[in-house]
Amino acid sequence: MKQWPLALLNELMVMMQPAHLRKAFKSVRLAHERDTLRAELVRVKLSLQS
């Protein structure tokens, strides 16, 4: 049995589980947005204090 390239296996997994992966990507993006918002809040607080 010949080894499949990793990229091809990844493509297959993406095709087999689109909804699951979309949910994972969405939660990652939401976490990133939340962290960005938190950083923005901290920046505003610091500028108000000075």
PDB file of N, CA and C in Angstrom:
ATOM      1  N   MET A   1       0.849  -1.205   0.000  1.00  0.00           N
ATOM      2  CA  MET A   1       0.000   0.000   0.000  1.00  0.00           C
ATOM      3  C   MET A   1       0.880   1.249   0.000  1.00  0.00           C
ATOM      4  N   LYS A   2       0.667   2.115  -0.978  1.00  0.00           N
ATOM      5  CA  LYS A   2       1.545   3.288  -1.062  1.00  0.00           C
ATOM      6  C   LYS A   2       1.049   4.405  -0.133  1.00  0.00           C
ATOM      7  N   GLN A   3       2.008   5.175   0.388  1.00  0.00           N
ATOM      8  CA  GLN A   3       1.691   6.254   1.309  1.00  0.00           C
ATOM      9  C   GLN A   3       1.020   7.413   0.572  1.00  0.00           C
ATOM     10  N   TRP A   4      -0.048   7.920   1.129  1.00  0.00           N
ATOM     11  CA  TRP A   4      -0.693   9.104   0.552  1.00  0.00           C
ATOM     12  C   TRP A   4       0.006  10.348   1.058  1.00  0.00           C
ATOM     13  N   PRO A   5       0.153  11.359   0.212  1.00  0.00           N
ATOM     14  CA  PRO A   5       0.730  12.618   0.683  1.00  0.00           C
ATOM     15  C   PRO A   5      -0.171  13.250   1.740  1.00  0.00           C
ATOM     16  N   LEU A   6       0.444  13.905   2.709  1.00  0.00           N
ATOM     17  CA  LEU A   6      -0.299  14.514   3.806  1.00  0.00           C
ATOM     18  C   LEU A   6      -1.295  15.546   3.303  1.00  0.00           C
ATOM     19  N   ALA A   7      -0.889  16.330   2.310  1.00  0.00           N
ATOM     20  CA  ALA A   7      -1.781  17.364   1.772  1.00  0.00           C
ATOM     21  C   ALA A   7      -3.057  16.743   1.222  1.00  0.00           C
ATOM     22  N   LEU A   8      -2.928  15.608   0.555  1.00  0.00           N
ATOM     23  CA  LEU A   8      -4.096  14.944  -0.013  1.00  0.00           C
ATOM     24  C   LEU A   8      -5.022  14.443   1.088  1.00  0.00           C
ATOM     25  N   LEU A   9      -4.434  13.898   2.154  1.00  0.00           N
ATOM     26  CA  LEU A   9      -5.241  13.442   3.285  1.00  0.00           C
ATOM     27  C   LEU A   9      -5.982  14.615   3.923  1.00  0.00           C
ATOM     28  N   ASN A  10      -5.289  15.737   4.041  1.00  0.00           N
ATOM     29  CA  ASN A  10      -5.941  16.926   4.597  1.00  0.00           C
ATOM     30  C   ASN A  10      -7.117  17.372   3.733  1.00  0.00           C
ATOM     31  N   GLU A  11      -6.920  17.342   2.395  1.00  0.00           N
ATOM     32  CA  GLU A  11      -8.002  17.703   1.470  1.00  0.00           C
ATOM     33  C   GLU A  11      -9.198  16.778   1.661  1.00  0.00           C
ATOM     34  N   LEU A  12      -8.928  15.484   1.804  1.00  0.00           N
ATOM     35  CA  LEU A  12     -10.005  14.520   2.002  1.00  0.00           C
ATOM     36  C   LEU A  12     -10.766  14.807   3.294  1.00  0.00           C
ATOM     37  N   MET A  13     -10.030  15.117   4.343  1.00  0.00           N
ATOM     38  CA  MET A  13     -10.688  15.401   5.617  1.00  0.00           C
ATOM     39  C   MET A  13     -11.552  16.658   5.513  1.00  0.00           C
ATOM     40  N   VAL A  14     -11.050  17.661   4.797  1.00  0.00           N
ATOM     41  CA  VAL A  14     -11.829  18.885   4.603  1.00  0.00           C
ATOM     42  C   VAL A  14     -13.115  18.577   3.844  1.00  0.00           C
ATOM     43  N   MET A  15     -13.006  17.721   2.817  1.00  0.00           N
ATOM     44  CA  MET A  15     -14.196  17.393   2.031  1.00  0.00           C
ATOM     45  C   MET A  15     -15.186  16.565   2.835  1.00  0.00           C
ATOM     46  N   MET A  16     -14.682  15.699   3.694  1.00  0.00           N
ATOM     47  CA  MET A  16     -15.566  14.821   4.449  1.00  0.00           C
ATOM     48  C   MET A  16     -16.252  15.547   5.608  1.00  0.00           C
ATOM     49  N   GLN A  17     -15.619  16.550   6.190  1.00  0.00           N
ATOM     50  CA  GLN A  17     -16.179  17.210   7.361  1.00  0.00           C
ATOM     51  C   GLN A  17     -16.272  18.723   7.196  1.00  0.00           C
ATOM     52  N   PRO A  18     -16.951  19.225   6.178  1.00  0.00           N
ATOM     53  CA  PRO A  18     -16.970  20.673   5.987  1.00  0.00           C
ATOM     54  C   PRO A  18     -17.633  21.418   7.144  1.00  0.00           C
ATOM     55  N   ALA A  19     -18.771  20.913   7.601  1.00  0.00           N
ATOM     56  CA  ALA A  19     -19.509  21.611   8.661  1.00  0.00           C
ATOM     57  C   ALA A  19     -18.686  21.648   9.952  1.00  0.00           C
ATOM     58  N   HIS A  20     -18.089  20.511  10.301  1.00  0.00           N
ATOM     59  CA  HIS A  20     -17.288  20.420  11.525  1.00  0.00           C
ATOM     60  C   HIS A  20     -16.118  21.402  11.453  1.00  0.00           C
ATOM     61  N   LEU A  21     -15.448  21.437  10.301  1.00  0.00           N
ATOM     62  CA  LEU A  21     -14.292  22.317  10.166  1.00  0.00           C
ATOM     63  C   LEU A  21     -14.705  23.780  10.141  1.00  0.00           C
ATOM     64  N   ARG A  22     -15.837  24.060   9.490  1.00  0.00           N
ATOM     65  CA  ARG A  22     -16.325  25.442   9.475  1.00  0.00           C
ATOM     66  C   ARG A  22     -16.584  25.926  10.886  1.00  0.00           C
ATOM     67  N   LYS A  23     -17.167  25.031  11.715  1.00  0.00           N
ATOM     68  CA  LYS A  23     -17.449  25.402  13.101  1.00  0.00           C
ATOM     69  C   LYS A  23     -16.149  25.686  13.845  1.00  0.00           C
ATOM     70  N   ALA A  24     -15.143  24.846  13.613  1.00  0.00           N
ATOM     71  CA  ALA A  24     -13.853  25.044  14.276  1.00  0.00           C
ATOM     72  C   ALA A  24     -13.217  26.363  13.848  1.00  0.00           C
ATOM     73  N   PHE A  25     -13.237  26.632  12.531  1.00  0.00           N
ATOM     74  CA  PHE A  25     -12.650  27.883  12.042  1.00  0.00           C
ATOM     75  C   PHE A  25     -13.397  29.080  12.611  1.00  0.00           C
ATOM     76  N   LYS A  26     -14.749  28.959  12.696  1.00  0.00           N
ATOM     77  CA  LYS A  26     -15.533  30.078  13.200  1.00  0.00           C
ATOM     78  C   LYS A  26     -15.173  30.359  14.660  1.00  0.00           C
ATOM     79  N   SER A  27     -15.027  29.298  15.472  1.00  0.00           N
ATOM     80  CA  SER A  27     -14.707  29.521  16.880  1.00  0.00           C
ATOM     81  C   SER A  27     -13.315  30.125  17.029  1.00  0.00           C
ATOM     82  N   VAL A  28     -12.378  29.716  16.166  1.00  0.00           N
ATOM     83  CA  VAL A  28     -11.038  30.317  16.195  1.00  0.00           C
ATOM     84  C   VAL A  28     -11.121  31.800  15.852  1.00  0.00           C
ATOM     85  N   ARG A  29     -11.928  32.124  14.817  1.00  0.00           N
ATOM     86  CA  ARG A  29     -12.049  33.512  14.396  1.00  0.00           C
ATOM     87  C   ARG A  29     -12.719  34.343  15.486  1.00  0.00           C
ATOM     88  N   LEU A  30     -13.735  33.776  16.138  1.00  0.00           N
ATOM     89  CA  LEU A  30     -14.414  34.496  17.216  1.00  0.00           C
ATOM     90  C   LEU A  30     -13.460  34.741  18.380  1.00  0.00           C
ATOM     91  N   ALA A  31     -12.655  33.749  18.710  1.00  0.00           N
ATOM     92  CA  ALA A  31     -11.689  33.920  19.795  1.00  0.00           C
ATOM     93  C   ALA A  31     -10.701  35.023  19.442  1.00  0.00           C
ATOM     94  N   HIS A  32     -10.274  35.053  18.178  1.00  0.00           N
ATOM     95  CA  HIS A  32      -9.336  36.088  17.734  1.00  0.00           C
ATOM     96  C   HIS A  32      -9.976  37.468  17.848  1.00  0.00           C
ATOM     97  N   GLU A  33     -11.245  37.580  17.425  1.00  0.00           N
ATOM     98  CA  GLU A  33     -11.936  38.869  17.507  1.00  0.00           C
ATOM     99  C   GLU A  33     -12.104  39.301  18.965  1.00  0.00           C
ATOM    100  N   ARG A  34     -12.398  38.328  19.835  1.00  0.00           N
ATOM    101  CA  ARG A  34     -12.569  38.648  21.251  1.00  0.00           C
ATOM    102  C   ARG A  34     -11.258  39.176  21.835  1.00  0.00           C
ATOM    103  N   ASP A  35     -10.142  38.525  21.495  1.00  0.00           N
ATOM    104  CA  ASP A  35      -8.839  38.982  21.983  1.00  0.00           C
ATOM    105  C   ASP A  35      -8.507  40.368  21.451  1.00  0.00           C
ATOM    106  N   THR A  36      -8.879  40.625  20.192  1.00  0.00           N
ATOM    107  CA  THR A  36      -8.626  41.939  19.605  1.00  0.00           C
ATOM    108  C   THR A  36      -9.427  43.005  20.344  1.00  0.00           C
ATOM    109  N   LEU A  37     -10.676  42.682  20.638  1.00  0.00           N
ATOM    110  CA  LEU A  37     -11.516  43.625  21.382  1.00  0.00           C
ATOM    111  C   LEU A  37     -10.933  43.902  22.764  1.00  0.00           C
ATOM    112  N   ARG A  38     -10.463  42.840  23.423  1.00  0.00           N
ATOM    113  CA  ARG A  38      -9.895  43.008  24.760  1.00  0.00           C
ATOM    114  C   ARG A  38      -8.663  43.899  24.706  1.00  0.00           C
ATOM    115  N   ALA A  39      -7.809  43.681  23.713  1.00  0.00           N
ATOM    116  CA  ALA A  39      -6.608  44.504  23.557  1.00  0.00           C
ATOM    117  C   ALA A  39      -6.990  45.962  23.323  1.00  0.00           C
ATOM    118  N   GLU A  40      -8.045  46.175  22.515  1.00  0.00           N
ATOM    119  CA  GLU A  40      -8.513  47.530  22.243  1.00  0.00           C
ATOM    120  C   GLU A  40      -9.015  48.197  23.527  1.00  0.00           C
ATOM    121  N   LEU A  41      -9.768  47.451  24.340  1.00  0.00           N
ATOM    122  CA  LEU A  41     -10.272  47.988  25.602  1.00  0.00           C
ATOM    123  C   LEU A  41      -9.130  48.396  26.525  1.00  0.00           C
ATOM    124  N   VAL A  42      -8.122  47.533  26.605  1.00  0.00           N
ATOM    125  CA  VAL A  42      -6.967  47.840  27.452  1.00  0.00           C
ATOM    126  C   VAL A  42      -6.279  49.120  26.972  1.00  0.00           C
ATOM    127  N   ARG A  43      -6.162  49.251  25.653  1.00  0.00           N
ATOM    128  CA  ARG A  43      -5.508  50.431  25.090  1.00  0.00           C
ATOM    129  C   ARG A  43      -6.302  51.706  25.435  1.00  0.00           C
ATOM    130  N   VAL A  44      -7.608  51.624  25.317  1.00  0.00           N
ATOM    131  CA  VAL A  44      -8.459  52.783  25.626  1.00  0.00           C
ATOM    132  C   VAL A  44      -8.348  53.132  27.106  1.00  0.00           C
ATOM    133  N   LYS A  45      -8.382  52.104  27.964  1.00  0.00           N
ATOM    134  CA  LYS A  45      -8.270  52.347  29.409  1.00  0.00           C
ATOM    135  C   LYS A  45      -6.959  53.049  29.749  1.00  0.00           C
ATOM    136  N   LEU A  46      -5.872  52.570  29.145  1.00  0.00           N
ATOM    137  CA  LEU A  46      -4.569  53.173  29.412  1.00  0.00           C
ATOM    138  C   LEU A  46      -4.527  54.622  28.940  1.00  0.00           C
ATOM    139  N   SER A  47      -5.122  54.899  27.795  1.00  0.00           N
ATOM    140  CA  SER A  47      -5.086  56.275  27.298  1.00  0.00           C
ATOM    141  C   SER A  47      -5.959  57.186  28.158  1.00  0.00           C
ATOM    142  N   LEU A  48      -7.009  56.634  28.761  1.00  0.00           N
ATOM    143  CA  LEU A  48      -7.853  57.441  29.646  1.00  0.00           C
ATOM    144  C   LEU A  48      -7.133  57.745  30.954  1.00  0.00           C
ATOM    145  N   GLN A  49      -6.330  56.791  31.421  1.00  0.00           N
ATOM    146  CA  GLN A  49      -5.636  56.981  32.695  1.00  0.00           C
ATOM    147  C   GLN A  49      -4.533  58.026  32.600  1.00  0.00           C
ATOM    148  N   SER A  50      -3.875  58.091  31.451  1.00  0.00           N
ATOM    149  CA  SER A  50      -2.715  58.987  31.340  1.00  0.00           C
ATOM    150  C   SER A  50      -3.122  60.455  31.298  1.00  0.00           C
TER     151      SER A  50
END
